[in-house]
């Protein structure tokens, strides 16, 4: 293991690097982080749900409208469940603090 200006790295470790549109290479982790940081909470939740379903936004773009509606309905239900669970946790936490 070595410590350098970019942090700690294992000997022989390689990090995924991909070519950008300009032809240079940058670590995809940085691009992914910046993309994620710019997302709204709703977009983050949607992406997580799609990932669990094995889908992507790009994959949804080519789907027929009836399938897309079904998937959006499932996502809506899961978001509603998360919101309900969040409210229950908040109520429980408040009750525990007041008790």
PDB file of N, CA and C in Angstrom:
ATOM      1  N   UNK A   1       0.857  -1.174   0.000  1.00  0.00           N
ATOM      2  CA  UNK A   1       0.000   0.000   0.000  1.00  0.00           C
ATOM      3  C   UNK A   1       0.898   1.231   0.000  1.00  0.00           C
ATOM      4  N   UNK A   2       0.463   2.265  -0.719  1.00  0.00           N
ATOM      5  CA  UNK A   2       1.228   3.504  -0.754  1.00  0.00           C
ATOM      6  C   UNK A   2       0.298   4.680  -0.522  1.00  0.00           C
ATOM      7  N   UNK A   3       0.881   5.744  -0.028  1.00  0.00           N
ATOM      8  CA  UNK A   3       0.116   6.964   0.190  1.00  0.00           C
ATOM      9  C   UNK A   3       0.707   8.036  -0.712  1.00  0.00           C
ATOM     10  N   UNK A   4      -0.154   8.629  -1.519  1.00  0.00           N
ATOM     11  CA  UNK A   4       0.303   9.666  -2.428  1.00  0.00           C
ATOM     12  C   UNK A   4      -0.602  10.879  -2.345  1.00  0.00           C
ATOM     13  N   UNK A   5      -0.421  11.774  -3.266  1.00  0.00           N
ATOM     14  CA  UNK A   5      -1.235  12.986  -3.291  1.00  0.00           C
ATOM     15  C   UNK A   5      -2.704  12.693  -3.523  1.00  0.00           C
ATOM     16  N   UNK A   6      -3.002  11.591  -4.178  1.00  0.00           N
ATOM     17  CA  UNK A   6      -4.387  11.246  -4.469  1.00  0.00           C
ATOM     18  C   UNK A   6      -4.979  10.296  -3.435  1.00  0.00           C
ATOM     19  N   UNK A   7      -4.306  10.060  -2.330  1.00  0.00           N
ATOM     20  CA  UNK A   7      -4.843   9.204  -1.287  1.00  0.00           C
ATOM     21  C   UNK A   7      -4.078   7.907  -1.180  1.00  0.00           C
ATOM     22  N   UNK A   8      -4.709   6.910  -0.614  1.00  0.00           N
ATOM     23  CA  UNK A   8      -4.091   5.608  -0.387  1.00  0.00           C
ATOM     24  C   UNK A   8      -4.430   4.701  -1.560  1.00  0.00           C
ATOM     25  N   UNK A   9      -3.446   3.940  -2.011  1.00  0.00           N
ATOM     26  CA  UNK A   9      -3.710   2.991  -3.076  1.00  0.00           C
ATOM     27  C   UNK A   9      -2.931   1.721  -2.826  1.00  0.00           C
ATOM     28  N   UNK A  10      -3.481   0.628  -3.278  1.00  0.00           N
ATOM     29  CA  UNK A  10      -2.808  -0.658  -3.158  1.00  0.00           C
ATOM     30  C   UNK A  10      -1.841  -0.811  -4.320  1.00  0.00           C
ATOM     31  N   UNK A  11      -0.729  -1.513  -4.104  1.00  0.00           N
ATOM     32  CA  UNK A  11       0.217  -1.705  -5.201  1.00  0.00           C
ATOM     33  C   UNK A  11      -0.469  -2.446  -6.354  1.00  0.00           C
ATOM     34  N   UNK A  12      -0.265  -1.977  -7.534  1.00  0.00           N
ATOM     35  CA  UNK A  12      -0.837  -2.625  -8.712  1.00  0.00           C
ATOM     36  C   UNK A  12      -2.316  -2.367  -8.903  1.00  0.00           C
ATOM     37  N   UNK A  13      -2.928  -1.532  -8.070  1.00  0.00           N
ATOM     38  CA  UNK A  13      -4.362  -1.266  -8.200  1.00  0.00           C
ATOM     39  C   UNK A  13      -4.610  -0.395  -9.419  1.00  0.00           C
ATOM     40  N   UNK A  14      -5.666  -0.700 -10.110  1.00  0.00           N
ATOM     41  CA  UNK A  14      -6.027   0.151 -11.244  1.00  0.00           C
ATOM     42  C   UNK A  14      -7.443   0.653 -11.035  1.00  0.00           C
ATOM     43  N   UNK A  15      -7.704   1.824 -11.517  1.00  0.00           N
ATOM     44  CA  UNK A  15      -8.998   2.448 -11.350  1.00  0.00           C
ATOM     45  C   UNK A  15      -9.630   2.625 -12.711  1.00  0.00           C
ATOM     46  N   UNK A  16     -10.949   2.414 -12.818  1.00  0.00           N
ATOM     47  CA  UNK A  16     -11.583   2.517 -14.132  1.00  0.00           C
ATOM     48  C   UNK A  16     -11.493   3.938 -14.681  1.00  0.00           C
ATOM     49  N   UNK A  17     -11.011   4.029 -15.879  1.00  0.00           N
ATOM     50  CA  UNK A  17     -10.900   5.316 -16.552  1.00  0.00           C
ATOM     51  C   UNK A  17     -11.529   5.149 -17.918  1.00  0.00           C
ATOM     52  N   UNK A  18     -12.303   6.137 -18.339  1.00  0.00           N
ATOM     53  CA  UNK A  18     -12.934   6.052 -19.644  1.00  0.00           C
ATOM     54  C   UNK A  18     -12.684   7.338 -20.422  1.00  0.00           C
ATOM     55  N   UNK A  19     -12.782   7.224 -21.724  1.00  0.00           N
ATOM     56  CA  UNK A  19     -12.554   8.385 -22.578  1.00  0.00           C
ATOM     57  C   UNK A  19     -13.780   9.286 -22.542  1.00  0.00           C
ATOM     58  N   UNK A  20     -13.553  10.585 -22.511  1.00  0.00           N
ATOM     59  CA  UNK A  20     -14.640  11.548 -22.558  1.00  0.00           C
ATOM     60  C   UNK A  20     -14.845  11.993 -23.999  1.00  0.00           C
ATOM     61  N   UNK A  21     -15.878  12.783 -24.214  1.00  0.00           N
ATOM     62  CA  UNK A  21     -16.171  13.245 -25.567  1.00  0.00           C
ATOM     63  C   UNK A  21     -15.043  14.087 -26.146  1.00  0.00           C
ATOM     64  N   UNK A  22     -14.247  14.707 -25.297  1.00  0.00           N
ATOM     65  CA  UNK A  22     -13.143  15.534 -25.784  1.00  0.00           C
ATOM     66  C   UNK A  22     -11.924  14.699 -26.148  1.00  0.00           C
ATOM     67  N   UNK A  23     -11.988  13.394 -25.861  1.00  0.00           N
ATOM     68  CA  UNK A  23     -10.870  12.525 -26.189  1.00  0.00           C
ATOM     69  C   UNK A  23      -9.922  12.305 -25.033  1.00  0.00           C
ATOM     70  N   UNK A  24     -10.014  13.104 -23.986  1.00  0.00           N
ATOM     71  CA  UNK A  24      -9.158  12.911 -22.822  1.00  0.00           C
ATOM     72  C   UNK A  24      -9.785  11.841 -21.931  1.00  0.00           C
ATOM     73  N   UNK A  25      -9.052  11.419 -20.940  1.00  0.00           N
ATOM     74  CA  UNK A  25      -9.582  10.424 -20.013  1.00  0.00           C
ATOM     75  C   UNK A  25      -9.735  11.046 -18.636  1.00  0.00           C
ATOM     76  N   UNK A  26     -10.812  10.697 -17.972  1.00  0.00           N
ATOM     77  CA  UNK A  26     -11.075  11.150 -16.610  1.00  0.00           C
ATOM     78  C   UNK A  26     -11.652   9.981 -15.842  1.00  0.00           C
ATOM     79  N   UNK A  27     -11.485   9.985 -14.551  1.00  0.00           N
ATOM     80  CA  UNK A  27     -12.059   8.928 -13.727  1.00  0.00           C
ATOM     81  C   UNK A  27     -13.571   9.037 -13.773  1.00  0.00           C
ATOM     82  N   UNK A  28     -14.237   7.948 -14.090  1.00  0.00           N
ATOM     83  CA  UNK A  28     -15.694   7.978 -14.183  1.00  0.00           C
ATOM     84  C   UNK A  28     -16.335   8.224 -12.820  1.00  0.00           C
ATOM     85  N   UNK A  29     -15.622   7.905 -11.764  1.00  0.00           N
ATOM     86  CA  UNK A  29     -16.173   8.129 -10.426  1.00  0.00           C
ATOM     87  C   UNK A  29     -16.470   9.601 -10.193  1.00  0.00           C
ATOM     88  N   UNK A  30     -15.591  10.472 -10.667  1.00  0.00           N
ATOM     89  CA  UNK A  30     -15.797  11.906 -10.498  1.00  0.00           C
ATOM     90  C   UNK A  30     -17.042  12.348 -11.253  1.00  0.00           C
ATOM     91  N   UNK A  31     -17.188  11.905 -12.489  1.00  0.00           N
ATOM     92  CA  UNK A  31     -18.351  12.264 -13.295  1.00  0.00           C
ATOM     93  C   UNK A  31     -19.633  11.730 -12.659  1.00  0.00           C
ATOM     94  N   UNK A  32     -19.571  10.474 -12.203  1.00  0.00           N
ATOM     95  CA  UNK A  32     -20.744   9.876 -11.566  1.00  0.00           C
ATOM     96  C   UNK A  32     -21.128  10.625 -10.303  1.00  0.00           C
ATOM     97  N   UNK A  33     -20.119  11.015  -9.512  1.00  0.00           N
ATOM     98  CA  UNK A  33     -20.396  11.760  -8.289  1.00  0.00           C
ATOM     99  C   UNK A  33     -21.052  13.099  -8.595  1.00  0.00           C
ATOM    100  N   UNK A  34     -20.489  13.825  -9.550  1.00  0.00           N
ATOM    101  CA  UNK A  34     -21.054  15.133  -9.890  1.00  0.00           C
ATOM    102  C   UNK A  34     -22.481  15.000 -10.422  1.00  0.00           C
ATOM    103  N   UNK A  35     -22.716  13.985 -11.223  1.00  0.00           N
ATOM    104  CA  UNK A  35     -24.064  13.741 -11.743  1.00  0.00           C
ATOM    105  C   UNK A  35     -25.023  13.465 -10.581  1.00  0.00           C
ATOM    106  N   UNK A  36     -24.604  12.613  -9.650  1.00  0.00           N
ATOM    107  CA  UNK A  36     -25.449  12.257  -8.511  1.00  0.00           C
ATOM    108  C   UNK A  36     -25.679  13.469  -7.608  1.00  0.00           C
ATOM    109  N   UNK A  37     -24.657  14.275  -7.392  1.00  0.00           N
ATOM    110  CA  UNK A  37     -24.764  15.438  -6.514  1.00  0.00           C
ATOM    111  C   UNK A  37     -25.757  16.462  -7.053  1.00  0.00           C
ATOM    112  N   UNK A  38     -25.903  16.525  -8.373  1.00  0.00           N
ATOM    113  CA  UNK A  38     -26.808  17.490  -8.988  1.00  0.00           C
ATOM    114  C   UNK A  38     -28.255  17.001  -9.020  1.00  0.00           C
ATOM    115  N   UNK A  39     -28.474  15.737  -8.689  1.00  0.00           N
ATOM    116  CA  UNK A  39     -29.832  15.181  -8.737  1.00  0.00           C
ATOM    117  C   UNK A  39     -30.670  15.666  -7.555  1.00  0.00           C
ATOM    118  N   UNK A  40     -31.978  15.798  -7.799  1.00  0.00           N
ATOM    119  CA  UNK A  40     -32.899  16.127  -6.720  1.00  0.00           C
ATOM    120  C   UNK A  40     -33.140  14.864  -5.892  1.00  0.00           C
ATOM    121  N   UNK A  41     -33.657  14.989  -4.672  1.00  0.00           N
ATOM    122  CA  UNK A  41     -33.969  13.792  -3.884  1.00  0.00           C
ATOM    123  C   UNK A  41     -34.919  12.848  -4.621  1.00  0.00           C
ATOM    124  N   UNK A  42     -35.894  13.383  -5.323  1.00  0.00           N
ATOM    125  CA  UNK A  42     -36.834  12.532  -6.065  1.00  0.00           C
ATOM    126  C   UNK A  42     -36.116  11.765  -7.171  1.00  0.00           C
ATOM    127  N   UNK A  43     -35.178  12.415  -7.850  1.00  0.00           N
ATOM    128  CA  UNK A  43     -34.425  11.740  -8.911  1.00  0.00           C
ATOM    129  C   UNK A  43     -33.540  10.637  -8.334  1.00  0.00           C
ATOM    130  N   UNK A  44     -32.972  10.883  -7.157  1.00  0.00           N
ATOM    131  CA  UNK A  44     -32.131   9.872  -6.510  1.00  0.00           C
ATOM    132  C   UNK A  44     -32.955   8.650  -6.127  1.00  0.00           C
ATOM    133  N   UNK A  45     -34.132   8.881  -5.565  1.00  0.00           N
ATOM    134  CA  UNK A  45     -35.006   7.775  -5.183  1.00  0.00           C
ATOM    135  C   UNK A  45     -35.422   6.990  -6.414  1.00  0.00           C
ATOM    136  N   UNK A  46     -35.811   7.692  -7.470  1.00  0.00           N
ATOM    137  CA  UNK A  46     -36.228   7.029  -8.709  1.00  0.00           C
ATOM    138  C   UNK A  46     -35.093   6.167  -9.270  1.00  0.00           C
ATOM    139  N   UNK A  47     -33.879   6.713  -9.281  1.00  0.00           N
ATOM    140  CA  UNK A  47     -32.739   5.963  -9.796  1.00  0.00           C
ATOM    141  C   UNK A  47     -32.485   4.706  -8.968  1.00  0.00           C
ATOM    142  N   UNK A  48     -32.602   4.814  -7.645  1.00  0.00           N
ATOM    143  CA  UNK A  48     -32.392   3.659  -6.774  1.00  0.00           C
ATOM    144  C   UNK A  48     -33.439   2.579  -7.035  1.00  0.00           C
ATOM    145  N   UNK A  49     -34.682   2.983  -7.200  1.00  0.00           N
ATOM    146  CA  UNK A  49     -35.752   2.026  -7.451  1.00  0.00           C
ATOM    147  C   UNK A  49     -35.540   1.354  -8.805  1.00  0.00           C
ATOM    148  N   UNK A  50     -35.205   2.140  -9.819  1.00  0.00           N
ATOM    149  CA  UNK A  50     -34.949   1.573 -11.145  1.00  0.00           C
ATOM    150  C   UNK A  50     -33.790   0.582 -11.084  1.00  0.00           C
ATOM    151  N   UNK A  51     -32.732   0.928 -10.347  1.00  0.00           N
ATOM    152  CA  UNK A  51     -31.580   0.045 -10.225  1.00  0.00           C
ATOM    153  C   UNK A  51     -31.990  -1.291  -9.597  1.00  0.00           C
ATOM    154  N   UNK A  52     -32.833  -1.230  -8.552  1.00  0.00           N
ATOM    155  CA  UNK A  52     -33.304  -2.456  -7.918  1.00  0.00           C
ATOM    156  C   UNK A  52     -34.142  -3.302  -8.872  1.00  0.00           C
ATOM    157  N   UNK A  53     -34.819  -2.628  -9.809  1.00  0.00           N
ATOM    158  CA  UNK A  53     -35.636  -3.329 -10.791  1.00  0.00           C
ATOM    159  C   UNK A  53     -34.808  -3.785 -11.994  1.00  0.00           C
ATOM    160  N   UNK A  54     -33.527  -3.406 -12.022  1.00  0.00           N
ATOM    161  CA  UNK A  54     -32.662  -3.772 -13.132  1.00  0.00           C
ATOM    162  C   UNK A  54     -32.904  -2.938 -14.379  1.00  0.00           C
ATOM    163  N   UNK A  55     -33.367  -1.698 -14.191  1.00  0.00           N
ATOM    164  CA  UNK A  55     -33.698  -0.830 -15.315  1.00  0.00           C
ATOM    165  C   UNK A  55     -32.895   0.466 -15.249  1.00  0.00           C
ATOM    166  N   UNK A  56     -32.864   1.179 -16.372  1.00  0.00           N
ATOM    167  CA  UNK A  56     -32.241   2.498 -16.448  1.00  0.00           C
ATOM    168  C   UNK A  56     -33.193   3.445 -17.158  1.00  0.00           C
ATOM    169  N   UNK A  57     -32.923   4.743 -17.025  1.00  0.00           N
ATOM    170  CA  UNK A  57     -33.738   5.732 -17.745  1.00  0.00           C
ATOM    171  C   UNK A  57     -33.625   5.518 -19.252  1.00  0.00           C
ATOM    172  N   UNK A  58     -32.422   5.160 -19.708  1.00  0.00           N
ATOM    173  CA  UNK A  58     -32.218   4.920 -21.133  1.00  0.00           C
ATOM    174  C   UNK A  58     -33.068   3.733 -21.599  1.00  0.00           C
ATOM    175  N   UNK A  59     -33.149   2.702 -20.764  1.00  0.00           N
ATOM    176  CA  UNK A  59     -33.961   1.543 -21.098  1.00  0.00           C
ATOM    177  C   UNK A  59     -35.446   1.872 -21.136  1.00  0.00           C
ATOM    178  N   UNK A  60     -35.873   2.763 -20.252  1.00  0.00           N
ATOM    179  CA  UNK A  60     -37.281   3.161 -20.227  1.00  0.00           C
ATOM    180  C   UNK A  60     -37.669   3.939 -21.476  1.00  0.00           C
ATOM    181  N   UNK A  61     -36.711   4.685 -22.022  1.00  0.00           N
ATOM    182  CA  UNK A  61     -37.004   5.542 -23.176  1.00  0.00           C
ATOM    183  C   UNK A  61     -37.504   4.743 -24.378  1.00  0.00           C
ATOM    184  N   UNK A  62     -37.059   3.507 -24.513  1.00  0.00           N
ATOM    185  CA  UNK A  62     -37.464   2.703 -25.663  1.00  0.00           C
ATOM    186  C   UNK A  62     -38.658   1.808 -25.414  1.00  0.00           C
ATOM    187  N   UNK A  63     -39.267   1.893 -24.243  1.00  0.00           N
ATOM    188  CA  UNK A  63     -40.387   1.011 -23.903  1.00  0.00           C
ATOM    189  C   UNK A  63     -41.703   1.541 -24.448  1.00  0.00           C
ATOM    190  N   UNK A  64     -42.631   0.625 -24.728  1.00  0.00           N
ATOM    191  CA  UNK A  64     -43.984   1.050 -25.112  1.00  0.00           C
ATOM    192  C   UNK A  64     -44.654   1.782 -23.948  1.00  0.00           C
ATOM    193  N   UNK A  65     -45.586   2.660 -24.273  1.00  0.00           N
ATOM    194  CA  UNK A  65     -46.235   3.506 -23.261  1.00  0.00           C
ATOM    195  C   UNK A  65     -46.935   2.695 -22.170  1.00  0.00           C
ATOM    196  N   UNK A  66     -47.584   1.581 -22.525  1.00  0.00           N
ATOM    197  CA  UNK A  66     -48.308   0.812 -21.510  1.00  0.00           C
ATOM    198  C   UNK A  66     -47.351   0.191 -20.489  1.00  0.00           C
ATOM    199  N   UNK A  67     -46.186  -0.313 -20.943  1.00  0.00           N
ATOM    200  CA  UNK A  67     -45.193  -0.859 -20.012  1.00  0.00           C
ATOM    201  C   UNK A  67     -44.593   0.251 -19.153  1.00  0.00           C
ATOM    202  N   UNK A  68     -44.332   1.387 -19.778  1.00  0.00           N
ATOM    203  CA  UNK A  68     -43.773   2.528 -19.064  1.00  0.00           C
ATOM    204  C   UNK A  68     -44.717   2.997 -17.962  1.00  0.00           C
ATOM    205  N   UNK A  69     -46.008   3.021 -18.251  1.00  0.00           N
ATOM    206  CA  UNK A  69     -47.002   3.423 -17.250  1.00  0.00           C
ATOM    207  C   UNK A  69     -47.001   2.452 -16.074  1.00  0.00           C
ATOM    208  N   UNK A  70     -46.928   1.154 -16.354  1.00  0.00           N
ATOM    209  CA  UNK A  70     -46.897   0.160 -15.282  1.00  0.00           C
ATOM    210  C   UNK A  70     -45.684   0.358 -14.381  1.00  0.00           C
ATOM    211  N   UNK A  71     -44.534   0.578 -14.993  1.00  0.00           N
ATOM    212  CA  UNK A  71     -43.306   0.771 -14.216  1.00  0.00           C
ATOM    213  C   UNK A  71     -43.391   2.052 -13.401  1.00  0.00           C
ATOM    214  N   UNK A  72     -43.892   3.127 -13.991  1.00  0.00           N
ATOM    215  CA  UNK A  72     -44.052   4.384 -13.255  1.00  0.00           C
ATOM    216  C   UNK A  72     -45.024   4.233 -12.094  1.00  0.00           C
ATOM    217  N   UNK A  73     -46.072   3.415 -12.272  1.00  0.00           N
ATOM    218  CA  UNK A  73     -47.011   3.160 -11.177  1.00  0.00           C
ATOM    219  C   UNK A  73     -46.327   2.423 -10.035  1.00  0.00           C
ATOM    220  N   UNK A  74     -45.481   1.445 -10.373  1.00  0.00           N
ATOM    221  CA  UNK A  74     -44.746   0.703  -9.342  1.00  0.00           C
ATOM    222  C   UNK A  74     -43.808   1.646  -8.596  1.00  0.00           C
ATOM    223  N   UNK A  75     -43.119   2.507  -9.344  1.00  0.00           N
ATOM    224  CA  UNK A  75     -42.207   3.474  -8.720  1.00  0.00           C
ATOM    225  C   UNK A  75     -42.972   4.407  -7.797  1.00  0.00           C
ATOM    226  N   UNK A  76     -44.138   4.871  -8.247  1.00  0.00           N
ATOM    227  CA  UNK A  76     -44.963   5.760  -7.431  1.00  0.00           C
ATOM    228  C   UNK A  76     -45.369   5.079  -6.126  1.00  0.00           C
ATOM    229  N   UNK A  77     -45.777   3.804  -6.217  1.00  0.00           N
ATOM    230  CA  UNK A  77     -46.178   3.062  -5.013  1.00  0.00           C
ATOM    231  C   UNK A  77     -45.002   2.917  -4.049  1.00  0.00           C
ATOM    232  N   UNK A  78     -43.814   2.611  -4.585  1.00  0.00           N
ATOM    233  CA  UNK A  78     -42.648   2.431  -3.722  1.00  0.00           C
ATOM    234  C   UNK A  78     -42.254   3.745  -3.047  1.00  0.00           C
ATOM    235  N   UNK A  79     -42.355   4.853  -3.779  1.00  0.00           N
ATOM    236  CA  UNK A  79     -42.047   6.155  -3.187  1.00  0.00           C
ATOM    237  C   UNK A  79     -43.044   6.466  -2.075  1.00  0.00           C
ATOM    238  N   UNK A  80     -44.331   6.172  -2.307  1.00  0.00           N
ATOM    239  CA  UNK A  80     -45.344   6.401  -1.278  1.00  0.00           C
ATOM    240  C   UNK A  80     -45.061   5.562  -0.040  1.00  0.00           C
ATOM    241  N   UNK A  81     -44.607   4.314  -0.235  1.00  0.00           N
ATOM    242  CA  UNK A  81     -44.246   3.456   0.894  1.00  0.00           C
ATOM    243  C   UNK A  81     -43.080   4.059   1.675  1.00  0.00           C
ATOM    244  N   UNK A  82     -42.080   4.554   0.951  1.00  0.00           N
ATOM    245  CA  UNK A  82     -40.920   5.168   1.610  1.00  0.00           C
ATOM    246  C   UNK A  82     -41.324   6.395   2.413  1.00  0.00           C
ATOM    247  N   UNK A  83     -42.195   7.211   1.844  1.00  0.00           N
ATOM    248  CA  UNK A  83     -42.664   8.407   2.548  1.00  0.00           C
ATOM    249  C   UNK A  83     -43.423   8.001   3.811  1.00  0.00           C
ATOM    250  N   UNK A  84     -44.275   6.998   3.683  1.00  0.00           N
ATOM    251  CA  UNK A  84     -45.041   6.524   4.843  1.00  0.00           C
ATOM    252  C   UNK A  84     -44.103   5.986   5.918  1.00  0.00           C
ATOM    253  N   UNK A  85     -43.097   5.207   5.520  1.00  0.00           N
ATOM    254  CA  UNK A  85     -42.133   4.681   6.484  1.00  0.00           C
ATOM    255  C   UNK A  85     -41.360   5.813   7.148  1.00  0.00           C
ATOM    256  N   UNK A  86     -41.009   6.819   6.366  1.00  0.00           N
ATOM    257  CA  UNK A  86     -40.286   7.966   6.914  1.00  0.00           C
ATOM    258  C   UNK A  86     -41.100   8.703   7.948  1.00  0.00           C
ATOM    259  N   UNK A  87     -42.389   8.868   7.680  1.00  0.00           N
ATOM    260  CA  UNK A  87     -43.266   9.546   8.647  1.00  0.00           C
ATOM    261  C   UNK A  87     -43.379   8.737   9.924  1.00  0.00           C
ATOM    262  N   UNK A  88     -43.484   7.415   9.791  1.00  0.00           N
ATOM    263  CA  UNK A  88     -43.591   6.576  10.981  1.00  0.00           C
ATOM    264  C   UNK A  88     -42.324   6.677  11.816  1.00  0.00           C
ATOM    265  N   UNK A  89     -41.161   6.703  11.173  1.00  0.00           N
ATOM    266  CA  UNK A  89     -39.900   6.816  11.906  1.00  0.00           C
ATOM    267  C   UNK A  89     -39.810   8.163  12.598  1.00  0.00           C
ATOM    268  N   UNK A  90     -40.238   9.209  11.947  1.00  0.00           N
ATOM    269  CA  UNK A  90     -40.193  10.542  12.530  1.00  0.00           C
ATOM    270  C   UNK A  90     -41.129  10.632  13.729  1.00  0.00           C
ATOM    271  N   UNK A  91     -42.339  10.088  13.590  1.00  0.00           N
ATOM    272  CA  UNK A  91     -43.288  10.112  14.692  1.00  0.00           C
ATOM    273  C   UNK A  91     -42.733   9.324  15.864  1.00  0.00           C
ATOM    274  N   UNK A  92     -42.177   8.141  15.590  1.00  0.00           N
ATOM    275  CA  UNK A  92     -41.601   7.321  16.643  1.00  0.00           C
ATOM    276  C   UNK A  92     -40.439   8.018  17.330  1.00  0.00           C
ATOM    277  N   UNK A  93     -39.588   8.669  16.555  1.00  0.00           N
ATOM    278  CA  UNK A  93     -38.425   9.373  17.118  1.00  0.00           C
ATOM    279  C   UNK A  93     -38.890  10.515  17.998  1.00  0.00           C
ATOM    280  N   UNK A  94     -39.907  11.243  17.563  1.00  0.00           N
ATOM    281  CA  UNK A  94     -40.428  12.353  18.335  1.00  0.00           C
ATOM    282  C   UNK A  94     -41.020  11.851  19.644  1.00  0.00           C
ATOM    283  N   UNK A  95     -41.767  10.751  19.571  1.00  0.00           N
ATOM    284  CA  UNK A  95     -42.390  10.190  20.758  1.00  0.00           C
ATOM    285  C   UNK A  95     -41.311   9.725  21.740  1.00  0.00           C
ATOM    286  N   UNK A  96     -40.215   9.128  21.225  1.00  0.00           N
ATOM    287  CA  UNK A  96     -39.154   8.664  22.091  1.00  0.00           C
ATOM    288  C   UNK A  96     -38.451   9.831  22.780  1.00  0.00           C
ATOM    289  N   UNK A  97     -38.299  10.916  22.076  1.00  0.00           N
ATOM    290  CA  UNK A  97     -37.623  12.075  22.666  1.00  0.00           C
ATOM    291  C   UNK A  97     -38.496  12.705  23.745  1.00  0.00           C
ATOM    292  N   UNK A  98     -39.799  12.799  23.496  1.00  0.00           N
ATOM    293  CA  UNK A  98     -40.705  13.417  24.447  1.00  0.00           C
ATOM    294  C   UNK A  98     -40.948  12.551  25.664  1.00  0.00           C
ATOM    295  N   UNK A  99     -40.798  11.241  25.552  1.00  0.00           N
ATOM    296  CA  UNK A  99     -41.140  10.334  26.653  1.00  0.00           C
ATOM    297  C   UNK A  99     -40.162  10.399  27.786  1.00  0.00           C
TER     298      UNK A  99
END
